[in-house]
Amino acid sequence: LAAKRATSVAQLILEGIDRVLATAAMEAARRRHAE
């Protein structure tokens, strides 16, 4: 995937971490909204 995107494996891993953190923040916001 890194080769296809002309990026590094490290960059892909960082993007994955960012997505996990963003998902967690959205889940927390949805929970607070529901409350």
ModelCIF file with pLDDT and N, C-alpha, C, O atoms, coordinates in Angstrom:
data_MODEL
#
_entry.id   MODEL 
#
_entity.id                         1 
_entity.type                       polymer 
_entity.pdbx_number_of_molecules   1 
#
_entity_poly.entity_id                      1 
_entity_poly.type                           'polypeptide(L)' 
_entity_poly.nstd_linkage                   no 
_entity_poly.nstd_monomer                   no 
_entity_poly.pdbx_seq_one_letter_code       LAAKRATSVAQLILEGIDRVLATAAMEAARRRHAE 
_entity_poly.pdbx_seq_one_letter_code_can   LAAKRATSVAQLILEGIDRVLATAAMEAARRRHAE 
_entity_poly.pdbx_strand_id                 A 
#
loop_
_entity_poly_seq.entity_id 
_entity_poly_seq.num 
_entity_poly_seq.mon_id 
_entity_poly_seq.hetero 
1 1  LEU n 
1 2  ALA n 
1 3  ALA n 
1 4  LYS n 
1 5  ARG n 
1 6  ALA n 
1 7  THR n 
1 8  SER n 
1 9  VAL n 
1 10 ALA n 
1 11 GLN n 
1 12 LEU n 
1 13 ILE n 
1 14 LEU n 
1 15 GLU n 
1 16 GLY n 
1 17 ILE n 
1 18 ASP n 
1 19 ARG n 
1 20 VAL n 
1 21 LEU n 
1 22 ALA n 
1 23 THR n 
1 24 ALA n 
1 25 ALA n 
1 26 MET n 
1 27 GLU n 
1 28 ALA n 
1 29 ALA n 
1 30 ARG n 
1 31 ARG n 
1 32 ARG n 
1 33 HIS n 
1 34 ALA n 
1 35 GLU n 
#
_struct_asym.id          A 
_struct_asym.entity_id   1 
#
loop_
_ma_qa_metric.id 
_ma_qa_metric.mode 
_ma_qa_metric.name 
_ma_qa_metric.software_group_id 
_ma_qa_metric.type 
1 global pLDDT . pLDDT 
2 local  pLDDT . pLDDT 
#
_ma_qa_metric_global.metric_id      1 
_ma_qa_metric_global.metric_value   96.94 
_ma_qa_metric_global.model_id       1 
_ma_qa_metric_global.ordinal_id     1 
#
loop_
_ma_qa_metric_local.label_asym_id 
_ma_qa_metric_local.label_comp_id 
_ma_qa_metric_local.label_seq_id 
_ma_qa_metric_local.metric_id 
_ma_qa_metric_local.metric_value 
_ma_qa_metric_local.model_id 
_ma_qa_metric_local.ordinal_id 
A LEU 1  2 98.00 1 1  
A ALA 2  2 98.00 1 2  
A ALA 3  2 98.00 1 3  
A LYS 4  2 98.00 1 4  
A ARG 5  2 97.00 1 5  
A ALA 6  2 98.00 1 6  
A THR 7  2 98.00 1 7  
A SER 8  2 97.00 1 8  
A VAL 9  2 97.00 1 9  
A ALA 10 2 96.00 1 10 
A GLN 11 2 97.00 1 11 
A LEU 12 2 97.00 1 12 
A ILE 13 2 97.00 1 13 
A LEU 14 2 97.00 1 14 
A GLU 15 2 97.00 1 15 
A GLY 16 2 97.00 1 16 
A ILE 17 2 97.00 1 17 
A ASP 18 2 96.00 1 18 
A ARG 19 2 96.00 1 19 
A VAL 20 2 97.00 1 20 
A LEU 21 2 97.00 1 21 
A ALA 22 2 94.00 1 22 
A THR 23 2 94.00 1 23 
A ALA 24 2 97.00 1 24 
A ALA 25 2 95.00 1 25 
A MET 26 2 95.00 1 26 
A GLU 27 2 97.00 1 27 
A ALA 28 2 97.00 1 28 
A ALA 29 2 97.00 1 29 
A ARG 30 2 97.00 1 30 
A ARG 31 2 98.00 1 31 
A ARG 32 2 98.00 1 32 
A HIS 33 2 98.00 1 33 
A ALA 34 2 98.00 1 34 
A GLU 35 2 98.00 1 35 
#
loop_
_atom_site.group_PDB 
_atom_site.id 
_atom_site.type_symbol 
_atom_site.label_atom_id 
_atom_site.label_alt_id 
_atom_site.label_comp_id 
_atom_site.label_asym_id 
_atom_site.label_entity_id 
_atom_site.label_seq_id 
_atom_site.pdbx_PDB_ins_code 
_atom_site.Cartn_x 
_atom_site.Cartn_y 
_atom_site.Cartn_z 
_atom_site.occupancy 
_atom_site.B_iso_or_equiv 
_atom_site.pdbx_formal_charge 
_atom_site.auth_seq_id 
_atom_site.auth_comp_id 
_atom_site.auth_asym_id 
_atom_site.auth_atom_id 
_atom_site.pdbx_PDB_model_num 
ATOM 1   N N  . LEU A 1 1  ? 0.828   -1.204 0.000  1.00 98.00 ? 1  LEU A N  1 
ATOM 2   C CA . LEU A 1 1  ? 0.000   0.000  0.000  1.00 98.00 ? 1  LEU A CA 1 
ATOM 3   C C  . LEU A 1 1  ? 0.864   1.256  0.000  1.00 98.00 ? 1  LEU A C  1 
ATOM 4   O O  . LEU A 1 1  ? 0.562   2.222  -0.701 1.00 98.00 ? 1  LEU A O  1 
ATOM 5   N N  . ALA A 1 2  ? 1.915   1.242  0.770  1.00 98.00 ? 2  ALA A N  1 
ATOM 6   C CA . ALA A 1 2  ? 2.826   2.392  0.811  1.00 98.00 ? 2  ALA A CA 1 
ATOM 7   C C  . ALA A 1 2  ? 3.431   2.647  -0.564 1.00 98.00 ? 2  ALA A C  1 
ATOM 8   O O  . ALA A 1 2  ? 3.552   3.795  -0.993 1.00 98.00 ? 2  ALA A O  1 
ATOM 9   N N  . ALA A 1 3  ? 3.804   1.586  -1.245 1.00 98.00 ? 3  ALA A N  1 
ATOM 10  C CA . ALA A 1 3  ? 4.367   1.744  -2.585 1.00 98.00 ? 3  ALA A CA 1 
ATOM 11  C C  . ALA A 1 3  ? 3.332   2.334  -3.542 1.00 98.00 ? 3  ALA A C  1 
ATOM 12  O O  . ALA A 1 3  ? 3.658   3.208  -4.345 1.00 98.00 ? 3  ALA A O  1 
ATOM 13  N N  . LYS A 1 4  ? 2.100   1.866  -3.461 1.00 98.00 ? 4  LYS A N  1 
ATOM 14  C CA . LYS A 1 4  ? 1.039   2.386  -4.332 1.00 98.00 ? 4  LYS A CA 1 
ATOM 15  C C  . LYS A 1 4  ? 0.779   3.865  -4.066 1.00 98.00 ? 4  LYS A C  1 
ATOM 16  O O  . LYS A 1 4  ? 0.499   4.631  -4.989 1.00 98.00 ? 4  LYS A O  1 
ATOM 17  N N  . ARG A 1 5  ? 0.873   4.253  -2.813 1.00 97.00 ? 5  ARG A N  1 
ATOM 18  C CA . ARG A 1 5  ? 0.596   5.645  -2.432 1.00 97.00 ? 5  ARG A CA 1 
ATOM 19  C C  . ARG A 1 5  ? 1.846   6.524  -2.436 1.00 97.00 ? 5  ARG A C  1 
ATOM 20  O O  . ARG A 1 5  ? 1.771   7.720  -2.153 1.00 97.00 ? 5  ARG A O  1 
ATOM 21  N N  . ALA A 1 6  ? 2.960   5.946  -2.749 1.00 98.00 ? 6  ALA A N  1 
ATOM 22  C CA . ALA A 1 6  ? 4.237   6.669  -2.727 1.00 98.00 ? 6  ALA A CA 1 
ATOM 23  C C  . ALA A 1 6  ? 4.471   7.316  -1.359 1.00 98.00 ? 6  ALA A C  1 
ATOM 24  O O  . ALA A 1 6  ? 4.780   8.504  -1.261 1.00 98.00 ? 6  ALA A O  1 
ATOM 25  N N  . THR A 1 7  ? 4.319   6.514  -0.322 1.00 98.00 ? 7  THR A N  1 
ATOM 26  C CA . THR A 1 7  ? 4.544   6.981  1.040  1.00 98.00 ? 7  THR A CA 1 
ATOM 27  C C  . THR A 1 7  ? 5.280   5.885  1.795  1.00 98.00 ? 7  THR A C  1 
ATOM 28  O O  . THR A 1 7  ? 5.720   4.904  1.196  1.00 98.00 ? 7  THR A O  1 
ATOM 29  N N  . SER A 1 8  ? 5.413   6.042  3.081  1.00 97.00 ? 8  SER A N  1 
ATOM 30  C CA . SER A 1 8  ? 6.136   5.054  3.890  1.00 97.00 ? 8  SER A CA 1 
ATOM 31  C C  . SER A 1 8  ? 5.170   4.238  4.738  1.00 97.00 ? 8  SER A C  1 
ATOM 32  O O  . SER A 1 8  ? 4.033   4.642  4.980  1.00 97.00 ? 8  SER A O  1 
ATOM 33  N N  . VAL A 1 9  ? 5.647   3.089  5.180  1.00 97.00 ? 9  VAL A N  1 
ATOM 34  C CA . VAL A 1 9  ? 4.866   2.262  6.102  1.00 97.00 ? 9  VAL A CA 1 
ATOM 35  C C  . VAL A 1 9  ? 4.610   3.048  7.388  1.00 97.00 ? 9  VAL A C  1 
ATOM 36  O O  . VAL A 1 9  ? 3.514   2.991  7.945  1.00 97.00 ? 9  VAL A O  1 
ATOM 37  N N  . ALA A 1 10 ? 5.607   3.773  7.851  1.00 96.00 ? 10 ALA A N  1 
ATOM 38  C CA . ALA A 1 10 ? 5.451   4.568  9.077  1.00 96.00 ? 10 ALA A CA 1 
ATOM 39  C C  . ALA A 1 10 ? 4.322   5.590  8.924  1.00 96.00 ? 10 ALA A C  1 
ATOM 40  O O  . ALA A 1 10 ? 3.533   5.791  9.847  1.00 96.00 ? 10 ALA A O  1 
ATOM 41  N N  . GLN A 1 11 ? 4.250   6.230  7.762  1.00 97.00 ? 11 GLN A N  1 
ATOM 42  C CA . GLN A 1 11 ? 3.188   7.213  7.530  1.00 97.00 ? 11 GLN A CA 1 
ATOM 43  C C  . GLN A 1 11 ? 1.815   6.545  7.549  1.00 97.00 ? 11 GLN A C  1 
ATOM 44  O O  . GLN A 1 11 ? 0.864   7.100  8.099  1.00 97.00 ? 11 GLN A O  1 
ATOM 45  N N  . LEU A 1 12 ? 1.708   5.365  6.957  1.00 97.00 ? 12 LEU A N  1 
ATOM 46  C CA . LEU A 1 12 ? 0.434   4.642  6.982  1.00 97.00 ? 12 LEU A CA 1 
ATOM 47  C C  . LEU A 1 12 ? 0.030   4.285  8.410  1.00 97.00 ? 12 LEU A C  1 
ATOM 48  O O  . LEU A 1 12 ? -1.140  4.384  8.778  1.00 97.00 ? 12 LEU A O  1 
ATOM 49  N N  . ILE A 1 13 ? 1.010   3.870  9.208  1.00 97.00 ? 13 ILE A N  1 
ATOM 50  C CA . ILE A 1 13 ? 0.724   3.534  10.606 1.00 97.00 ? 13 ILE A CA 1 
ATOM 51  C C  . ILE A 1 13 ? 0.255   4.780  11.357 1.00 97.00 ? 13 ILE A C  1 
ATOM 52  O O  . ILE A 1 13 ? -0.693  4.706  12.138 1.00 97.00 ? 13 ILE A O  1 
ATOM 53  N N  . LEU A 1 14 ? 0.901   5.912  11.131 1.00 97.00 ? 14 LEU A N  1 
ATOM 54  C CA . LEU A 1 14 ? 0.476   7.164  11.777 1.00 97.00 ? 14 LEU A CA 1 
ATOM 55  C C  . LEU A 1 14 ? -0.936  7.549  11.350 1.00 97.00 ? 14 LEU A C  1 
ATOM 56  O O  . LEU A 1 14 ? -1.729  8.006  12.174 1.00 97.00 ? 14 LEU A O  1 
ATOM 57  N N  . GLU A 1 15 ? -1.256  7.369  10.062 1.00 97.00 ? 15 GLU A N  1 
ATOM 58  C CA . GLU A 1 15 ? -2.612  7.655  9.590  1.00 97.00 ? 15 GLU A CA 1 
ATOM 59  C C  . GLU A 1 15 ? -3.629  6.749  10.284 1.00 97.00 ? 15 GLU A C  1 
ATOM 60  O O  . GLU A 1 15 ? -4.722  7.188  10.643 1.00 97.00 ? 15 GLU A O  1 
ATOM 61  N N  . GLY A 1 16 ? -3.255  5.479  10.468 1.00 97.00 ? 16 GLY A N  1 
ATOM 62  C CA . GLY A 1 16 ? -4.149  4.552  11.169 1.00 97.00 ? 16 GLY A CA 1 
ATOM 63  C C  . GLY A 1 16 ? -4.394  4.977  12.603 1.00 97.00 ? 16 GLY A C  1 
ATOM 64  O O  . GLY A 1 16 ? -5.521  4.906  13.094 1.00 97.00 ? 16 GLY A O  1 
ATOM 65  N N  . ILE A 1 17 ? -3.348  5.415  13.271 1.00 97.00 ? 17 ILE A N  1 
ATOM 66  C CA . ILE A 1 17 ? -3.485  5.890  14.651 1.00 97.00 ? 17 ILE A CA 1 
ATOM 67  C C  . ILE A 1 17 ? -4.396  7.112  14.690 1.00 97.00 ? 17 ILE A C  1 
ATOM 68  O O  . ILE A 1 17 ? -5.271  7.210  15.550 1.00 97.00 ? 17 ILE A O  1 
ATOM 69  N N  . ASP A 1 18 ? -4.191  8.044  13.759 1.00 96.00 ? 18 ASP A N  1 
ATOM 70  C CA . ASP A 1 18 ? -5.051  9.233  13.709 1.00 96.00 ? 18 ASP A CA 1 
ATOM 71  C C  . ASP A 1 18 ? -6.514  8.848  13.526 1.00 96.00 ? 18 ASP A C  1 
ATOM 72  O O  . ASP A 1 18 ? -7.398  9.442  14.144 1.00 96.00 ? 18 ASP A O  1 
ATOM 73  N N  . ARG A 1 19 ? -6.769  7.856  12.678 1.00 96.00 ? 19 ARG A N  1 
ATOM 74  C CA . ARG A 1 19 ? -8.156  7.421  12.459 1.00 96.00 ? 19 ARG A CA 1 
ATOM 75  C C  . ARG A 1 19 ? -8.759  6.801  13.707 1.00 96.00 ? 19 ARG A C  1 
ATOM 76  O O  . ARG A 1 19 ? -9.917  7.062  14.033 1.00 96.00 ? 19 ARG A O  1 
ATOM 77  N N  . VAL A 1 20 ? -7.983  5.982  14.408 1.00 97.00 ? 20 VAL A N  1 
ATOM 78  C CA . VAL A 1 20 ? -8.476  5.370  15.647 1.00 97.00 ? 20 VAL A CA 1 
ATOM 79  C C  . VAL A 1 20 ? -8.811  6.449  16.668 1.00 97.00 ? 20 VAL A C  1 
ATOM 80  O O  . VAL A 1 20 ? -9.856  6.392  17.316 1.00 97.00 ? 20 VAL A O  1 
ATOM 81  N N  . LEU A 1 21 ? -7.924  7.435  16.812 1.00 97.00 ? 21 LEU A N  1 
ATOM 82  C CA . LEU A 1 21 ? -8.171  8.518  17.773 1.00 97.00 ? 21 LEU A CA 1 
ATOM 83  C C  . LEU A 1 21 ? -9.367  9.369  17.369 1.00 97.00 ? 21 LEU A C  1 
ATOM 84  O O  . LEU A 1 21 ? -10.151 9.776  18.226 1.00 97.00 ? 21 LEU A O  1 
ATOM 85  N N  . ALA A 1 22 ? -9.518  9.641  16.081 1.00 94.00 ? 22 ALA A N  1 
ATOM 86  C CA . ALA A 1 22 ? -10.661 10.424 15.608 1.00 94.00 ? 22 ALA A CA 1 
ATOM 87  C C  . ALA A 1 22 ? -11.960 9.657  15.844 1.00 94.00 ? 22 ALA A C  1 
ATOM 88  O O  . ALA A 1 22 ? -12.969 10.246 16.230 1.00 94.00 ? 22 ALA A O  1 
ATOM 89  N N  . THR A 1 23 ? -11.935 8.359  15.614 1.00 94.00 ? 23 THR A N  1 
ATOM 90  C CA . THR A 1 23 ? -13.120 7.534  15.854 1.00 94.00 ? 23 THR A CA 1 
ATOM 91  C C  . THR A 1 23 ? -13.502 7.551  17.327 1.00 94.00 ? 23 THR A C  1 
ATOM 92  O O  . THR A 1 23 ? -14.679 7.663  17.669 1.00 94.00 ? 23 THR A O  1 
ATOM 93  N N  . ALA A 1 24 ? -12.513 7.442  18.190 1.00 97.00 ? 24 ALA A N  1 
ATOM 94  C CA . ALA A 1 24 ? -12.778 7.476  19.633 1.00 97.00 ? 24 ALA A CA 1 
ATOM 95  C C  . ALA A 1 24 ? -13.370 8.820  20.041 1.00 97.00 ? 24 ALA A C  1 
ATOM 96  O O  . ALA A 1 24 ? -14.287 8.874  20.861 1.00 97.00 ? 24 ALA A O  1 
ATOM 97  N N  . ALA A 1 25 ? -12.850 9.900  19.474 1.00 95.00 ? 25 ALA A N  1 
ATOM 98  C CA . ALA A 1 25 ? -13.385 11.230 19.793 1.00 95.00 ? 25 ALA A CA 1 
ATOM 99  C C  . ALA A 1 25 ? -14.824 11.369 19.312 1.00 95.00 ? 25 ALA A C  1 
ATOM 100 O O  . ALA A 1 25 ? -15.658 11.952 20.004 1.00 95.00 ? 25 ALA A O  1 
ATOM 101 N N  . MET A 1 26 ? -15.116 10.836 18.124 1.00 95.00 ? 26 MET A N  1 
ATOM 102 C CA . MET A 1 26 ? -16.492 10.897 17.603 1.00 95.00 ? 26 MET A CA 1 
ATOM 103 C C  . MET A 1 26 ? -17.433 10.084 18.484 1.00 95.00 ? 26 MET A C  1 
ATOM 104 O O  . MET A 1 26 ? -18.547 10.523 18.770 1.00 95.00 ? 26 MET A O  1 
ATOM 105 N N  . GLU A 1 27 ? -16.999 8.919  18.912 1.00 97.00 ? 27 GLU A N  1 
ATOM 106 C CA . GLU A 1 27 ? -17.823 8.090  19.788 1.00 97.00 ? 27 GLU A CA 1 
ATOM 107 C C  . GLU A 1 27 ? -18.112 8.818  21.098 1.00 97.00 ? 27 GLU A C  1 
ATOM 108 O O  . GLU A 1 27 ? -19.236 8.775  21.600 1.00 97.00 ? 27 GLU A O  1 
ATOM 109 N N  . ALA A 1 28 ? -17.109 9.478  21.647 1.00 97.00 ? 28 ALA A N  1 
ATOM 110 C CA . ALA A 1 28 ? -17.290 10.236 22.893 1.00 97.00 ? 28 ALA A CA 1 
ATOM 111 C C  . ALA A 1 28 ? -18.258 11.396 22.665 1.00 97.00 ? 28 ALA A C  1 
ATOM 112 O O  . ALA A 1 28 ? -19.106 11.668 23.516 1.00 97.00 ? 28 ALA A O  1 
ATOM 113 N N  . ALA A 1 29 ? -18.142 12.077 21.533 1.00 97.00 ? 29 ALA A N  1 
ATOM 114 C CA . ALA A 1 29 ? -19.045 13.193 21.227 1.00 97.00 ? 29 ALA A CA 1 
ATOM 115 C C  . ALA A 1 29 ? -20.477 12.684 21.056 1.00 97.00 ? 29 ALA A C  1 
ATOM 116 O O  . ALA A 1 29 ? -21.421 13.320 21.523 1.00 97.00 ? 29 ALA A O  1 
ATOM 117 N N  . ARG A 1 30 ? -20.640 11.547 20.391 1.00 97.00 ? 30 ARG A N  1 
ATOM 118 C CA . ARG A 1 30 ? -21.989 10.985 20.228 1.00 97.00 ? 30 ARG A CA 1 
ATOM 119 C C  . ARG A 1 30 ? -22.594 10.569 21.564 1.00 97.00 ? 30 ARG A C  1 
ATOM 120 O O  . ARG A 1 30 ? -23.783 10.778 21.804 1.00 97.00 ? 30 ARG A O  1 
ATOM 121 N N  . ARG A 1 31 ? -21.768 9.978  22.436 1.00 98.00 ? 31 ARG A N  1 
ATOM 122 C CA . ARG A 1 31 ? -22.262 9.610  23.771 1.00 98.00 ? 31 ARG A CA 1 
ATOM 123 C C  . ARG A 1 31 ? -22.699 10.850 24.542 1.00 98.00 ? 31 ARG A C  1 
ATOM 124 O O  . ARG A 1 31 ? -23.762 10.863 25.163 1.00 98.00 ? 31 ARG A O  1 
ATOM 125 N N  . ARG A 1 32 ? -21.868 11.896 24.497 1.00 98.00 ? 32 ARG A N  1 
ATOM 126 C CA . ARG A 1 32 ? -22.213 13.127 25.219 1.00 98.00 ? 32 ARG A CA 1 
ATOM 127 C C  . ARG A 1 32 ? -23.469 13.744 24.624 1.00 98.00 ? 32 ARG A C  1 
ATOM 128 O O  . ARG A 1 32 ? -24.322 14.243 25.358 1.00 98.00 ? 32 ARG A O  1 
ATOM 129 N N  . HIS A 1 33 ? -23.591 13.715 23.309 1.00 98.00 ? 33 HIS A N  1 
ATOM 130 C CA . HIS A 1 33 ? -24.781 14.243 22.647 1.00 98.00 ? 33 HIS A CA 1 
ATOM 131 C C  . HIS A 1 33 ? -26.018 13.479 23.134 1.00 98.00 ? 33 HIS A C  1 
ATOM 132 O O  . HIS A 1 33 ? -27.039 14.086 23.457 1.00 98.00 ? 33 HIS A O  1 
ATOM 133 N N  . ALA A 1 34 ? -25.922 12.167 23.184 1.00 98.00 ? 34 ALA A N  1 
ATOM 134 C CA . ALA A 1 34 ? -27.053 11.351 23.645 1.00 98.00 ? 34 ALA A CA 1 
ATOM 135 C C  . ALA A 1 34 ? -27.410 11.681 25.089 1.00 98.00 ? 34 ALA A C  1 
ATOM 136 O O  . ALA A 1 34 ? -28.589 11.769 25.432 1.00 98.00 ? 34 ALA A O  1 
ATOM 137 N N  . GLU A 1 35 ? -26.401 11.864 25.936 1.00 98.00 ? 35 GLU A N  1 
ATOM 138 C CA . GLU A 1 35 ? -26.653 12.215 27.335 1.00 98.00 ? 35 GLU A CA 1 
ATOM 139 C C  . GLU A 1 35 ? -27.394 13.551 27.432 1.00 98.00 ? 35 GLU A C  1 
ATOM 140 O O  . GLU A 1 35 ? -27.694 14.012 28.533 1.00 98.00 ? 35 GLU A O  1 
#
